[in-house]
Amino acid sequence: MNDVYAREVVMARVGHLIRRKQREIERITRMLRGLFEPSQILAPEPGRIKRIILIGPYARRSWYEDRRTIEFSDYEIWVVVNHPLFTDERCWHRARASIDRELGNRCAVDVEIYAKSDIRAAKAERDTFILDRIEAGITLYDASRDAELIARDPWEARS
């Protein structure tokens, strides 16, 4: 794919949110994609992120933020990878640390990692916990349709 990653694509998918929240979600998505480290695991195939999905209150349009009490909704992000070995924390340590360092004082980010086989099993077992959240979620990244990140993202310098 020759398309260059454009942050506006992710931000448009969460266009119902205020601009600051759109930027934070886009930044989280970019960090997950850019800092995923599949080389930390010896696996039978190259590691790939298949999907990144926003679930929870920000996807359901029921988020809250109360500056007076400093209470706010957490970002809930699910990442689907191509092989169960890539759910290992070693692949995600750098991404989680960067998200925490950059956004930790403004928002809580909960990232859950699933393998594509976990999603297939949930469908076969009709696991409503997983299926309902995916159905109500907003896909922030889908490997089958979205552009790859380039090595030096021009937006990096502006963020």
N, C-alpha and C. Protein backbone atom coordinates (compact mmCIF):
# COMPACT_ATOMS: atom_id res chain seq x y z
N MET A 1 0.84 -1.17 0.00
CA MET A 1 0.00 0.00 0.00
C MET A 1 0.89 1.24 0.00
N ASN A 2 0.65 2.17 -0.88
CA ASN A 2 1.47 3.37 -1.00
C ASN A 2 0.96 4.55 -0.20
N ASP A 3 -0.20 4.42 0.42
CA ASP A 3 -0.75 5.52 1.20
C ASP A 3 0.13 5.81 2.40
N VAL A 4 0.27 7.08 2.72
CA VAL A 4 1.00 7.50 3.91
C VAL A 4 -0.01 7.64 5.03
N TYR A 5 0.34 7.16 6.19
CA TYR A 5 -0.54 7.26 7.35
C TYR A 5 -0.92 8.72 7.59
N ALA A 6 -2.19 8.96 7.75
CA ALA A 6 -2.67 10.31 8.07
C ALA A 6 -3.47 10.24 9.36
N ARG A 7 -3.09 11.00 10.33
CA ARG A 7 -3.76 10.94 11.63
C ARG A 7 -5.22 11.34 11.54
N GLU A 8 -5.61 12.13 10.53
CA GLU A 8 -7.00 12.55 10.37
C GLU A 8 -7.94 11.37 10.17
N VAL A 9 -7.42 10.27 9.61
CA VAL A 9 -8.25 9.08 9.39
C VAL A 9 -8.73 8.54 10.73
N VAL A 10 -7.82 8.38 11.68
CA VAL A 10 -8.20 7.88 13.01
C VAL A 10 -9.09 8.90 13.70
N MET A 11 -8.72 10.17 13.64
CA MET A 11 -9.49 11.20 14.33
C MET A 11 -10.92 11.28 13.79
N ALA A 12 -11.11 11.07 12.50
CA ALA A 12 -12.45 11.11 11.92
C ALA A 12 -13.31 9.96 12.45
N ARG A 13 -12.69 8.84 12.77
CA ARG A 13 -13.44 7.70 13.29
C ARG A 13 -13.98 7.95 14.69
N VAL A 14 -13.39 8.92 15.37
CA VAL A 14 -13.88 9.31 16.70
C VAL A 14 -14.32 10.78 16.66
N GLY A 15 -14.91 11.17 15.55
CA GLY A 15 -15.33 12.55 15.34
C GLY A 15 -16.39 13.04 16.32
N HIS A 16 -17.03 12.13 17.03
CA HIS A 16 -18.05 12.52 18.02
C HIS A 16 -17.42 13.07 19.30
N LEU A 17 -16.12 12.91 19.44
CA LEU A 17 -15.42 13.37 20.64
C LEU A 17 -14.86 14.77 20.44
N ILE A 18 -14.54 15.44 21.55
CA ILE A 18 -13.90 16.74 21.45
C ILE A 18 -12.51 16.56 20.83
N ARG A 19 -11.99 17.61 20.26
CA ARG A 19 -10.73 17.55 19.50
C ARG A 19 -9.57 16.99 20.33
N ARG A 20 -9.46 17.40 21.60
CA ARG A 20 -8.37 16.90 22.45
C ARG A 20 -8.45 15.39 22.61
N LYS A 21 -9.66 14.85 22.79
CA LYS A 21 -9.83 13.40 22.93
C LYS A 21 -9.50 12.69 21.61
N GLN A 22 -9.89 13.29 20.49
CA GLN A 22 -9.55 12.72 19.19
C GLN A 22 -8.04 12.60 19.04
N ARG A 23 -7.33 13.68 19.41
CA ARG A 23 -5.86 13.67 19.29
C ARG A 23 -5.24 12.63 20.22
N GLU A 24 -5.76 12.51 21.44
CA GLU A 24 -5.21 11.53 22.38
C GLU A 24 -5.41 10.10 21.87
N ILE A 25 -6.59 9.82 21.35
CA ILE A 25 -6.87 8.47 20.83
C ILE A 25 -6.00 8.19 19.61
N GLU A 26 -5.84 9.18 18.74
CA GLU A 26 -4.97 9.00 17.58
C GLU A 26 -3.54 8.73 18.03
N ARG A 27 -3.08 9.46 19.01
CA ARG A 27 -1.71 9.29 19.52
C ARG A 27 -1.52 7.91 20.13
N ILE A 28 -2.48 7.46 20.90
CA ILE A 28 -2.42 6.11 21.48
C ILE A 28 -2.34 5.07 20.38
N THR A 29 -3.18 5.22 19.37
CA THR A 29 -3.20 4.27 18.24
C THR A 29 -1.85 4.25 17.54
N ARG A 30 -1.29 5.43 17.29
CA ARG A 30 0.01 5.51 16.61
C ARG A 30 1.12 4.89 17.45
N MET A 31 1.10 5.13 18.77
CA MET A 31 2.13 4.55 19.64
C MET A 31 2.01 3.03 19.68
N LEU A 32 0.80 2.51 19.75
CA LEU A 32 0.64 1.06 19.75
C LEU A 32 1.19 0.46 18.47
N ARG A 33 0.88 1.08 17.36
CA ARG A 33 1.37 0.57 16.07
C ARG A 33 2.87 0.73 15.93
N GLY A 34 3.39 1.87 16.32
CA GLY A 34 4.80 2.17 16.11
C GLY A 34 5.74 1.51 17.10
N LEU A 35 5.23 1.20 18.29
CA LEU A 35 6.10 0.67 19.34
C LEU A 35 5.85 -0.81 19.64
N PHE A 36 4.99 -1.45 18.86
CA PHE A 36 4.78 -2.90 18.97
C PHE A 36 6.10 -3.58 18.60
N GLU A 37 6.57 -4.48 19.46
CA GLU A 37 7.88 -5.11 19.26
C GLU A 37 7.76 -6.63 19.12
N PRO A 38 7.32 -7.11 17.96
CA PRO A 38 7.19 -8.55 17.77
C PRO A 38 8.52 -9.29 17.78
N SER A 39 9.62 -8.57 17.55
CA SER A 39 10.94 -9.21 17.52
C SER A 39 11.33 -9.75 18.90
N GLN A 40 10.61 -9.37 19.94
CA GLN A 40 10.90 -9.85 21.30
C GLN A 40 10.51 -11.32 21.47
N ILE A 41 9.76 -11.85 20.53
CA ILE A 41 9.23 -13.21 20.62
C ILE A 41 9.67 -14.02 19.41
N LEU A 42 10.12 -15.24 19.65
CA LEU A 42 10.41 -16.16 18.56
C LEU A 42 9.10 -16.83 18.17
N ALA A 43 8.63 -16.56 16.97
CA ALA A 43 7.32 -17.06 16.54
C ALA A 43 7.42 -17.63 15.13
N PRO A 44 6.45 -18.47 14.76
CA PRO A 44 6.48 -19.11 13.44
C PRO A 44 6.13 -18.17 12.29
N GLU A 45 5.70 -16.95 12.59
CA GLU A 45 5.34 -15.99 11.55
C GLU A 45 5.64 -14.58 12.06
N PRO A 46 5.79 -13.63 11.14
CA PRO A 46 6.06 -12.24 11.57
C PRO A 46 4.86 -11.67 12.33
N GLY A 47 5.13 -10.90 13.35
CA GLY A 47 4.06 -10.30 14.15
C GLY A 47 3.40 -9.14 13.44
N ARG A 48 2.07 -9.12 13.51
CA ARG A 48 1.30 -8.05 12.88
C ARG A 48 0.11 -7.69 13.74
N ILE A 49 -0.16 -6.41 13.81
CA ILE A 49 -1.40 -5.96 14.43
C ILE A 49 -2.47 -6.03 13.35
N LYS A 50 -3.56 -6.72 13.64
CA LYS A 50 -4.65 -6.86 12.69
C LYS A 50 -5.68 -5.74 12.85
N ARG A 51 -6.01 -5.43 14.13
CA ARG A 51 -6.99 -4.39 14.40
C ARG A 51 -6.70 -3.71 15.72
N ILE A 52 -7.08 -2.44 15.81
CA ILE A 52 -7.09 -1.72 17.07
C ILE A 52 -8.50 -1.16 17.21
N ILE A 53 -9.14 -1.45 18.34
CA ILE A 53 -10.55 -1.11 18.53
C ILE A 53 -10.71 -0.30 19.81
N LEU A 54 -11.43 0.79 19.71
CA LEU A 54 -11.81 1.57 20.88
C LEU A 54 -13.12 1.01 21.39
N ILE A 55 -13.15 0.62 22.66
CA ILE A 55 -14.39 0.11 23.25
C ILE A 55 -14.72 0.99 24.45
N GLY A 56 -15.80 0.67 25.12
CA GLY A 56 -16.14 1.38 26.34
C GLY A 56 -16.83 2.70 26.11
N PRO A 57 -16.77 3.58 27.11
CA PRO A 57 -17.57 4.81 27.07
C PRO A 57 -17.25 5.76 25.91
N TYR A 58 -16.01 5.81 25.47
CA TYR A 58 -15.69 6.70 24.36
C TYR A 58 -16.26 6.19 23.04
N ALA A 59 -16.42 4.90 22.91
CA ALA A 59 -17.04 4.34 21.71
C ALA A 59 -18.56 4.42 21.81
N ARG A 60 -19.09 4.27 23.02
CA ARG A 60 -20.55 4.30 23.22
C ARG A 60 -21.10 5.72 23.33
N ARG A 61 -20.24 6.70 23.30
CA ARG A 61 -20.64 8.10 23.44
C ARG A 61 -21.20 8.40 24.83
N SER A 62 -20.68 7.70 25.83
CA SER A 62 -21.15 7.92 27.21
C SER A 62 -20.00 8.29 28.13
N TRP A 63 -18.95 8.87 27.58
CA TRP A 63 -17.79 9.24 28.38
C TRP A 63 -18.10 10.46 29.24
N TYR A 64 -17.34 10.58 30.28
CA TYR A 64 -17.52 11.74 31.16
C TYR A 64 -16.16 12.29 31.57
N GLU A 65 -16.15 13.54 31.88
CA GLU A 65 -14.95 14.19 32.38
C GLU A 65 -15.41 15.30 33.31
N ASP A 66 -15.02 15.21 34.56
CA ASP A 66 -15.40 16.20 35.56
C ASP A 66 -14.12 16.80 36.12
N ARG A 67 -13.76 17.97 35.64
CA ARG A 67 -12.52 18.61 36.07
C ARG A 67 -12.53 18.95 37.55
N ARG A 68 -13.71 19.21 38.11
CA ARG A 68 -13.81 19.58 39.51
C ARG A 68 -13.38 18.42 40.42
N THR A 69 -13.86 17.22 40.12
CA THR A 69 -13.52 16.05 40.94
C THR A 69 -12.37 15.25 40.34
N ILE A 70 -11.92 15.67 39.18
CA ILE A 70 -10.85 14.98 38.46
C ILE A 70 -11.23 13.54 38.14
N GLU A 71 -12.49 13.29 37.91
CA GLU A 71 -12.94 11.96 37.48
C GLU A 71 -13.17 11.99 35.98
N PHE A 72 -12.76 10.92 35.32
CA PHE A 72 -12.95 10.85 33.88
C PHE A 72 -12.96 9.39 33.45
N SER A 73 -13.55 9.16 32.30
CA SER A 73 -13.59 7.81 31.74
C SER A 73 -12.20 7.39 31.29
N ASP A 74 -11.92 6.10 31.41
CA ASP A 74 -10.68 5.54 30.89
C ASP A 74 -10.84 5.27 29.40
N TYR A 75 -9.73 5.34 28.68
CA TYR A 75 -9.72 4.85 27.31
C TYR A 75 -9.57 3.34 27.38
N GLU A 76 -10.44 2.63 26.69
CA GLU A 76 -10.34 1.18 26.62
C GLU A 76 -10.05 0.80 25.18
N ILE A 77 -8.88 0.22 24.98
CA ILE A 77 -8.41 -0.13 23.64
C ILE A 77 -8.14 -1.63 23.59
N TRP A 78 -8.66 -2.28 22.57
CA TRP A 78 -8.34 -3.68 22.33
C TRP A 78 -7.50 -3.76 21.07
N VAL A 79 -6.44 -4.56 21.15
CA VAL A 79 -5.57 -4.78 20.00
C VAL A 79 -5.67 -6.26 19.64
N VAL A 80 -5.86 -6.53 18.36
CA VAL A 80 -5.92 -7.91 17.88
C VAL A 80 -4.67 -8.16 17.04
N VAL A 81 -3.91 -9.19 17.42
CA VAL A 81 -2.68 -9.54 16.70
C VAL A 81 -2.88 -10.86 15.96
N ASN A 82 -1.97 -11.15 15.05
CA ASN A 82 -2.14 -12.31 14.18
C ASN A 82 -1.79 -13.65 14.82
N HIS A 83 -1.08 -13.66 15.94
CA HIS A 83 -0.67 -14.94 16.55
C HIS A 83 -0.68 -14.79 18.07
N PRO A 84 -1.11 -15.83 18.80
CA PRO A 84 -1.17 -15.75 20.27
C PRO A 84 0.16 -15.38 20.94
N LEU A 85 1.27 -15.75 20.35
CA LEU A 85 2.56 -15.42 20.96
C LEU A 85 2.77 -13.92 21.09
N PHE A 86 2.14 -13.14 20.22
CA PHE A 86 2.34 -11.70 20.23
C PHE A 86 1.46 -10.96 21.25
N THR A 87 0.73 -11.74 22.05
CA THR A 87 0.01 -11.12 23.17
C THR A 87 0.93 -10.98 24.38
N ASP A 88 2.10 -11.53 24.30
CA ASP A 88 3.08 -11.48 25.39
C ASP A 88 3.44 -10.03 25.73
N GLU A 89 3.54 -9.75 27.01
CA GLU A 89 3.82 -8.39 27.49
C GLU A 89 5.13 -7.84 26.94
N ARG A 90 6.09 -8.69 26.64
CA ARG A 90 7.37 -8.21 26.09
C ARG A 90 7.19 -7.45 24.78
N CYS A 91 6.16 -7.79 24.01
CA CYS A 91 5.89 -7.10 22.75
C CYS A 91 5.29 -5.72 22.97
N TRP A 92 4.75 -5.49 24.15
CA TRP A 92 3.96 -4.29 24.41
C TRP A 92 4.54 -3.38 25.48
N HIS A 93 5.60 -3.80 26.11
CA HIS A 93 6.16 -3.04 27.23
C HIS A 93 6.51 -1.60 26.82
N ARG A 94 7.22 -1.45 25.72
CA ARG A 94 7.64 -0.12 25.28
C ARG A 94 6.43 0.77 24.94
N ALA A 95 5.44 0.20 24.26
CA ALA A 95 4.24 0.96 23.89
C ALA A 95 3.49 1.40 25.15
N ARG A 96 3.29 0.48 26.08
CA ARG A 96 2.57 0.82 27.31
C ARG A 96 3.32 1.88 28.11
N ALA A 97 4.63 1.75 28.21
CA ALA A 97 5.43 2.72 28.96
C ALA A 97 5.34 4.11 28.32
N SER A 98 5.39 4.16 27.00
CA SER A 98 5.31 5.45 26.30
C SER A 98 3.93 6.09 26.47
N ILE A 99 2.89 5.29 26.37
CA ILE A 99 1.53 5.80 26.56
C ILE A 99 1.38 6.34 27.98
N ASP A 100 1.86 5.57 28.93
CA ASP A 100 1.78 5.98 30.34
C ASP A 100 2.56 7.28 30.58
N ARG A 101 3.75 7.34 30.03
CA ARG A 101 4.61 8.52 30.21
C ARG A 101 3.98 9.76 29.57
N GLU A 102 3.43 9.60 28.38
CA GLU A 102 2.92 10.74 27.64
C GLU A 102 1.51 11.16 28.07
N LEU A 103 0.66 10.20 28.41
CA LEU A 103 -0.74 10.52 28.68
C LEU A 103 -1.18 10.20 30.10
N GLY A 104 -0.32 9.59 30.89
CA GLY A 104 -0.70 9.10 32.21
C GLY A 104 -1.25 10.14 33.16
N ASN A 105 -0.80 11.38 33.05
CA ASN A 105 -1.31 12.38 33.96
C ASN A 105 -2.63 13.00 33.49
N ARG A 106 -3.03 12.74 32.23
CA ARG A 106 -4.27 13.30 31.68
C ARG A 106 -5.38 12.28 31.55
N CYS A 107 -5.01 11.02 31.35
CA CYS A 107 -6.05 10.01 31.13
C CYS A 107 -5.51 8.62 31.44
N ALA A 108 -6.40 7.75 31.85
CA ALA A 108 -6.03 6.35 32.08
C ALA A 108 -6.30 5.57 30.79
N VAL A 109 -5.36 4.73 30.42
CA VAL A 109 -5.47 3.96 29.19
C VAL A 109 -5.36 2.48 29.53
N ASP A 110 -6.41 1.74 29.23
CA ASP A 110 -6.43 0.30 29.46
C ASP A 110 -6.31 -0.39 28.10
N VAL A 111 -5.21 -1.11 27.89
CA VAL A 111 -4.97 -1.80 26.62
C VAL A 111 -5.02 -3.31 26.87
N GLU A 112 -5.91 -3.98 26.15
CA GLU A 112 -6.02 -5.44 26.20
C GLU A 112 -5.57 -5.99 24.86
N ILE A 113 -4.78 -7.07 24.91
CA ILE A 113 -4.26 -7.66 23.68
C ILE A 113 -4.90 -9.04 23.48
N TYR A 114 -5.44 -9.26 22.30
CA TYR A 114 -6.05 -10.53 21.93
C TYR A 114 -5.42 -11.04 20.65
N ALA A 115 -5.37 -12.35 20.51
CA ALA A 115 -4.95 -12.95 19.24
C ALA A 115 -6.19 -13.12 18.36
N LYS A 116 -5.96 -13.15 17.07
CA LYS A 116 -7.07 -13.37 16.14
C LYS A 116 -7.79 -14.67 16.47
N SER A 117 -7.04 -15.66 16.92
CA SER A 117 -7.65 -16.95 17.30
C SER A 117 -8.57 -16.80 18.51
N ASP A 118 -8.27 -15.86 19.42
CA ASP A 118 -9.15 -15.59 20.57
C ASP A 118 -10.51 -15.07 20.08
N ILE A 119 -10.48 -14.22 19.08
CA ILE A 119 -11.71 -13.64 18.54
C ILE A 119 -12.52 -14.73 17.81
N ARG A 120 -11.81 -15.57 17.05
CA ARG A 120 -12.50 -16.69 16.38
C ARG A 120 -13.15 -17.61 17.39
N ALA A 121 -12.44 -17.91 18.47
CA ALA A 121 -12.99 -18.78 19.53
C ALA A 121 -14.20 -18.12 20.19
N ALA A 122 -14.13 -16.81 20.41
CA ALA A 122 -15.26 -16.09 21.02
C ALA A 122 -16.50 -16.18 20.11
N LYS A 123 -16.27 -16.07 18.80
CA LYS A 123 -17.39 -16.19 17.86
C LYS A 123 -17.97 -17.60 17.89
N ALA A 124 -17.11 -18.60 17.90
CA ALA A 124 -17.57 -19.99 17.93
C ALA A 124 -18.34 -20.30 19.22
N GLU A 125 -17.87 -19.74 20.32
CA GLU A 125 -18.51 -19.99 21.63
C GLU A 125 -19.61 -18.98 21.93
N ARG A 126 -19.81 -18.04 21.04
CA ARG A 126 -20.79 -16.96 21.24
C ARG A 126 -20.58 -16.24 22.56
N ASP A 127 -19.34 -15.88 22.79
CA ASP A 127 -18.93 -15.17 24.00
C ASP A 127 -19.41 -13.72 23.88
N THR A 128 -20.52 -13.42 24.54
CA THR A 128 -21.12 -12.09 24.40
C THR A 128 -20.26 -10.99 24.99
N PHE A 129 -19.45 -11.30 26.00
CA PHE A 129 -18.58 -10.28 26.58
C PHE A 129 -17.68 -9.68 25.51
N ILE A 130 -17.02 -10.54 24.76
CA ILE A 130 -16.10 -10.07 23.72
C ILE A 130 -16.86 -9.58 22.49
N LEU A 131 -17.81 -10.33 22.02
CA LEU A 131 -18.51 -9.98 20.78
C LEU A 131 -19.30 -8.68 20.89
N ASP A 132 -19.95 -8.45 22.01
CA ASP A 132 -20.72 -7.22 22.19
C ASP A 132 -19.81 -6.00 22.19
N ARG A 133 -18.66 -6.11 22.81
CA ARG A 133 -17.74 -4.99 22.85
C ARG A 133 -17.14 -4.68 21.49
N ILE A 134 -16.81 -5.73 20.76
CA ILE A 134 -16.28 -5.52 19.40
C ILE A 134 -17.35 -4.90 18.52
N GLU A 135 -18.57 -5.40 18.62
CA GLU A 135 -19.68 -4.89 17.81
C GLU A 135 -19.95 -3.41 18.10
N ALA A 136 -19.90 -3.03 19.37
CA ALA A 136 -20.17 -1.64 19.76
C ALA A 136 -18.93 -0.75 19.64
N GLY A 137 -17.77 -1.37 19.42
CA GLY A 137 -16.53 -0.61 19.36
C GLY A 137 -16.33 0.14 18.06
N ILE A 138 -15.32 0.96 18.06
CA ILE A 138 -14.94 1.73 16.87
C ILE A 138 -13.55 1.26 16.44
N THR A 139 -13.46 0.77 15.21
CA THR A 139 -12.17 0.32 14.70
C THR A 139 -11.31 1.54 14.38
N LEU A 140 -10.20 1.64 15.08
CA LEU A 140 -9.27 2.74 14.88
C LEU A 140 -8.23 2.40 13.81
N TYR A 141 -7.92 1.12 13.70
CA TYR A 141 -6.96 0.65 12.70
C TYR A 141 -7.37 -0.74 12.27
N ASP A 142 -7.34 -0.98 10.97
CA ASP A 142 -7.62 -2.29 10.40
C ASP A 142 -6.54 -2.54 9.34
N ALA A 143 -5.72 -3.56 9.57
CA ALA A 143 -4.58 -3.83 8.68
C ALA A 143 -5.01 -4.07 7.24
N SER A 144 -6.23 -4.57 7.05
CA SER A 144 -6.66 -4.88 5.69
C SER A 144 -7.07 -3.63 4.89
N ARG A 145 -7.22 -2.48 5.57
CA ARG A 145 -7.65 -1.30 4.82
C ARG A 145 -6.85 -0.02 5.09
N ASP A 146 -6.11 0.01 6.18
CA ASP A 146 -5.43 1.24 6.56
C ASP A 146 -3.96 1.25 6.15
N ALA A 147 -3.45 2.44 5.95
CA ALA A 147 -2.06 2.62 5.54
C ALA A 147 -1.10 2.24 6.66
N GLU A 148 0.06 1.78 6.26
CA GLU A 148 1.11 1.45 7.22
C GLU A 148 1.73 2.74 7.73
N LEU A 149 2.29 2.67 8.93
CA LEU A 149 3.09 3.79 9.43
C LEU A 149 4.39 3.79 8.65
N ILE A 150 4.87 4.97 8.29
CA ILE A 150 6.18 5.02 7.66
C ILE A 150 7.22 5.18 8.76
N ALA A 151 8.46 4.88 8.44
CA ALA A 151 9.52 4.89 9.45
C ALA A 151 9.62 6.22 10.18
N ARG A 152 9.52 7.31 9.45
CA ARG A 152 9.60 8.64 10.09
C ARG A 152 8.30 9.37 9.76
N ASP A 153 7.33 9.26 10.63
CA ASP A 153 6.03 9.88 10.44
C ASP A 153 6.15 11.40 10.51
N PRO A 154 5.73 12.13 9.46
CA PRO A 154 5.86 13.58 9.48
C PRO A 154 5.07 14.25 10.60
N TRP A 155 4.08 13.58 11.13
CA TRP A 155 3.28 14.15 12.23
C TRP A 155 4.03 14.10 13.54
N GLU A 156 5.00 13.22 13.65
CA GLU A 156 5.77 13.09 14.87
C GLU A 156 6.39 14.43 15.30
N ALA A 157 6.91 15.14 14.33
CA ALA A 157 7.58 16.40 14.63
C ALA A 157 6.61 17.46 15.13
N ARG A 158 5.34 17.35 14.75
CA ARG A 158 4.35 18.37 15.11
C ARG A 158 3.61 18.04 16.39
N SER A 159 3.67 16.82 16.85
CA SER A 159 2.88 16.42 18.03
C SER A 159 3.49 16.93 19.30
